[in-house]
Amino acid sequence: MFEELKDSSYWELLLLLLGRRWRFRVKGLSMSPLLKPGDEILVNPGAYRNRLPYPGEMVVARHPYQTKLRLVKRVVLVLEDGCCFLKGENLAESTDSRSFGLVAPEQILGKVTSRFR
C-alpha cells in the first residue's frame, strides 16, 4: 500500500535542474525513521494537476492554518470531494490530520519522488 522512498536518480536530478522538481529539507521528526531532520527530498509539483493523490503516496502540503509551513506527510484517505487525510510516520511526533483535519487538494504542493542524495 505505501510507496517506498527511493534515492534520487540521475533523471530526478536532471528534472531538478530543469525546474521540474522542488527540493525541500526535512526539519521535524514526524516522518522518522523514514525521513530524519536534515534529509532532503525532491517533490514533483505537477503530479496532481490531472489527478488526486492516492492513499500511500507521500506529499508536501501547506499546513491548513499556518500557510507558510510546509508538511511532509503520507496520504491515508482521499474523500470523494478530493480532501485528504494526511498522517506522519512517527505518530508520537507528528502534527497531522488527526489534529488539523482534512487537507484540501489545492493545499497539496506535490508528490515526494525521492530522497535527494
C-alpha atoms as a PDB file:
ATOM      1  CA  MET A   1       0.000   0.000   0.000  1.00  0.00           C
ATOM      2  CA  PHE A   2       2.737   2.507   0.897  1.00  0.00           C
ATOM      3  CA  GLU A   3       5.170   3.558  -1.786  1.00  0.00           C
ATOM      4  CA  GLU A   4       8.816   3.160  -0.933  1.00  0.00           C
ATOM      5  CA  LEU A   5      11.045   6.209  -0.934  1.00  0.00           C
ATOM      6  CA  LYS A   6      13.879   5.839  -3.428  1.00  0.00           C
ATOM      7  CA  ASP A   7      17.153   7.710  -3.550  1.00  0.00           C
ATOM      8  CA  SER A   8      17.294  10.283  -6.333  1.00  0.00           C
ATOM      9  CA  SER A   9      18.398   9.085  -9.758  1.00  0.00           C
ATOM     10  CA  TYR A  10      20.215  10.989 -12.486  1.00  0.00           C
ATOM     11  CA  TRP A  11      16.819  11.538 -14.101  1.00  0.00           C
ATOM     12  CA  GLU A  12      15.420  13.118 -10.932  1.00  0.00           C
ATOM     13  CA  LEU A  13      18.488  15.363 -10.664  1.00  0.00           C
ATOM     14  CA  LEU A  14      18.061  16.454 -14.278  1.00  0.00           C
ATOM     15  CA  LEU A  15      14.407  17.269 -13.586  1.00  0.00           C
ATOM     16  CA  LEU A  16      15.557  19.325 -10.570  1.00  0.00           C
ATOM     17  CA  LEU A  17      17.953  21.300 -12.781  1.00  0.00           C
ATOM     18  CA  LEU A  18      15.161  21.872 -15.302  1.00  0.00           C
ATOM     19  CA  GLY A  19      12.856  23.195 -12.580  1.00  0.00           C
ATOM     20  CA  ARG A  20      10.507  20.195 -12.755  1.00  0.00           C
ATOM     21  CA  ARG A  21      11.311  19.115  -9.189  1.00  0.00           C
ATOM     22  CA  TRP A  22      11.446  21.134  -5.988  1.00  0.00           C
ATOM     23  CA  ARG A  23      13.874  20.438  -3.184  1.00  0.00           C
ATOM     24  CA  PHE A  24      12.829  20.511   0.472  1.00  0.00           C
ATOM     25  CA  ARG A  25      14.760  19.903   3.683  1.00  0.00           C
ATOM     26  CA  VAL A  26      13.073  17.921   6.454  1.00  0.00           C
ATOM     27  CA  LYS A  27      13.074  19.709   9.815  1.00  0.00           C
ATOM     28  CA  GLY A  28      10.969  17.645  12.202  1.00  0.00           C
ATOM     29  CA  LEU A  29      10.637  14.070  13.404  1.00  0.00           C
ATOM     30  CA  SER A  30       7.124  13.390  12.076  1.00  0.00           C
ATOM     31  CA  MET A  31       8.326  11.142   9.237  1.00  0.00           C
ATOM     32  CA  SER A  32      11.076   9.316  11.116  1.00  0.00           C
ATOM     33  CA  PRO A  33      12.558   6.796  10.819  1.00  0.00           C
ATOM     34  CA  LEU A  34      11.936   7.106   7.051  1.00  0.00           C
ATOM     35  CA  LEU A  35      12.978  10.760   6.938  1.00  0.00           C
ATOM     36  CA  LYS A  36      15.098  12.452   9.567  1.00  0.00           C
ATOM     37  CA  PRO A  37      15.796  16.144  10.238  1.00  0.00           C
ATOM     38  CA  GLY A  38      18.294  17.378   7.656  1.00  0.00           C
ATOM     39  CA  ASP A  39      17.257  14.861   4.970  1.00  0.00           C
ATOM     40  CA  GLU A  40      16.369  16.428   1.654  1.00  0.00           C
ATOM     41  CA  ILE A  41      13.603  15.321  -0.675  1.00  0.00           C
ATOM     42  CA  LEU A  42      12.606  16.023  -4.253  1.00  0.00           C
ATOM     43  CA  VAL A  43       8.984  16.844  -4.998  1.00  0.00           C
ATOM     44  CA  ASN A  44       7.064  16.763  -8.270  1.00  0.00           C
ATOM     45  CA  PRO A  45       4.872  19.899  -8.195  1.00  0.00           C
ATOM     46  CA  GLY A  46       2.922  18.769 -11.263  1.00  0.00           C
ATOM     47  CA  ALA A  47       1.990  15.314 -10.002  1.00  0.00           C
ATOM     48  CA  TYR A  48      -1.578  16.246  -9.116  1.00  0.00           C
ATOM     49  CA  ARG A  49      -2.551  18.540 -11.966  1.00  0.00           C
ATOM     50  CA  ASN A  50      -4.779  15.885 -13.529  1.00  0.00           C
ATOM     51  CA  ARG A  51      -5.454  13.550 -10.635  1.00  0.00           C
ATOM     52  CA  LEU A  52      -5.842  13.334  -6.881  1.00  0.00           C
ATOM     53  CA  PRO A  53      -3.227  11.699  -4.648  1.00  0.00           C
ATOM     54  CA  TYR A  54      -3.564   8.000  -3.919  1.00  0.00           C
ATOM     55  CA  PRO A  55      -3.509   6.566  -0.410  1.00  0.00           C
ATOM     56  CA  GLY A  56       0.051   5.595   0.436  1.00  0.00           C
ATOM     57  CA  GLU A  57       1.709   8.402  -1.517  1.00  0.00           C
ATOM     58  CA  MET A  58       3.951  10.848   0.319  1.00  0.00           C
ATOM     59  CA  VAL A  59       3.184  14.517  -0.310  1.00  0.00           C
ATOM     60  CA  VAL A  60       4.267  18.013   0.649  1.00  0.00           C
ATOM     61  CA  ALA A  61       1.324  20.195   1.666  1.00  0.00           C
ATOM     62  CA  ARG A  62       0.662  23.582   3.178  1.00  0.00           C
ATOM     63  CA  HIS A  63      -0.493  23.478   6.769  1.00  0.00           C
ATOM     64  CA  PRO A  64      -4.216  24.407   6.716  1.00  0.00           C
ATOM     65  CA  TYR A  65      -3.844  27.174   9.339  1.00  0.00           C
ATOM     66  CA  GLN A  66      -0.171  28.160   9.087  1.00  0.00           C
ATOM     67  CA  THR A  67       0.101  28.628   5.325  1.00  0.00           C
ATOM     68  CA  LYS A  68       3.834  29.380   5.365  1.00  0.00           C
ATOM     69  CA  LEU A  69       4.504  25.995   6.997  1.00  0.00           C
ATOM     70  CA  ARG A  70       5.146  23.045   4.666  1.00  0.00           C
ATOM     71  CA  LEU A  71       4.403  19.492   5.807  1.00  0.00           C
ATOM     72  CA  VAL A  72       5.694  16.146   4.571  1.00  0.00           C
ATOM     73  CA  LYS A  73       3.030  13.505   5.217  1.00  0.00           C
ATOM     74  CA  ARG A  74       1.593  10.257   3.939  1.00  0.00           C
ATOM     75  CA  VAL A  75      -1.867  10.267   2.293  1.00  0.00           C
ATOM     76  CA  VAL A  76      -4.073   7.860   4.236  1.00  0.00           C
ATOM     77  CA  LEU A  77      -7.507   8.607   2.795  1.00  0.00           C
ATOM     78  CA  VAL A  78      -8.920  10.590  -0.128  1.00  0.00           C
ATOM     79  CA  LEU A  79     -12.589  11.529   0.074  1.00  0.00           C
ATOM     80  CA  GLU A  80     -14.908  11.979  -2.918  1.00  0.00           C
ATOM     81  CA  ASP A  81     -14.596  15.766  -2.700  1.00  0.00           C
ATOM     82  CA  GLY A  82     -10.798  15.418  -3.001  1.00  0.00           C
ATOM     83  CA  CYS A  83      -9.926  16.307   0.581  1.00  0.00           C
ATOM     84  CA  CYS A  84      -7.135  14.187   2.023  1.00  0.00           C
ATOM     85  CA  PHE A  85      -6.383  12.785   5.455  1.00  0.00           C
ATOM     86  CA  LEU A  86      -2.606  13.093   5.966  1.00  0.00           C
ATOM     87  CA  LYS A  87      -0.563  11.326   8.607  1.00  0.00           C
ATOM     88  CA  GLY A  88       3.058  11.240   9.702  1.00  0.00           C
ATOM     89  CA  GLU A  89       5.068   8.050  10.080  1.00  0.00           C
ATOM     90  CA  ASN A  90       6.038   8.847  13.684  1.00  0.00           C
ATOM     91  CA  LEU A  91       2.662   9.161  15.377  1.00  0.00           C
ATOM     92  CA  ALA A  92       4.116  10.410  18.671  1.00  0.00           C
ATOM     93  CA  GLU A  93       5.887  13.341  16.963  1.00  0.00           C
ATOM     94  CA  SER A  94       3.514  14.169  14.103  1.00  0.00           C
ATOM     95  CA  THR A  95       1.112  17.052  13.775  1.00  0.00           C
ATOM     96  CA  ASP A  96      -1.190  15.833  11.032  1.00  0.00           C
ATOM     97  CA  SER A  97      -4.847  15.471  10.055  1.00  0.00           C
ATOM     98  CA  ARG A  98      -5.564  13.977  13.460  1.00  0.00           C
ATOM     99  CA  SER A  99      -5.071  17.481  14.869  1.00  0.00           C
ATOM    100  CA  PHE A 100      -5.794  19.904  11.998  1.00  0.00           C
ATOM    101  CA  GLY A 101      -8.331  17.925   9.958  1.00  0.00           C
ATOM    102  CA  LEU A 102      -8.611  17.237   6.255  1.00  0.00           C
ATOM    103  CA  VAL A 103      -6.429  18.969   3.689  1.00  0.00           C
ATOM    104  CA  ALA A 104      -7.967  20.426   0.517  1.00  0.00           C
ATOM    105  CA  PRO A 105      -6.425  19.375  -2.823  1.00  0.00           C
ATOM    106  CA  GLU A 106      -5.180  22.914  -3.527  1.00  0.00           C
ATOM    107  CA  GLN A 107      -3.072  22.759  -0.342  1.00  0.00           C
ATOM    108  CA  ILE A 108      -1.076  19.806  -1.662  1.00  0.00           C
ATOM    109  CA  LEU A 109       2.046  21.150  -3.336  1.00  0.00           C
ATOM    110  CA  GLY A 110       3.334  17.931  -4.874  1.00  0.00           C
ATOM    111  CA  LYS A 111       4.336  14.312  -4.603  1.00  0.00           C
ATOM    112  CA  VAL A 112       7.593  13.282  -2.946  1.00  0.00           C
ATOM    113  CA  THR A 113       9.529  11.418  -5.633  1.00  0.00           C
ATOM    114  CA  SER A 114      12.844  10.656  -3.953  1.00  0.00           C
ATOM    115  CA  ARG A 115      15.323  11.361  -1.204  1.00  0.00           C
ATOM    116  CA  PHE A 116      17.963  13.776  -2.511  1.00  0.00           C
ATOM    117  CA  ARG A 117      21.441  12.246  -2.444  1.00  0.00           C
END
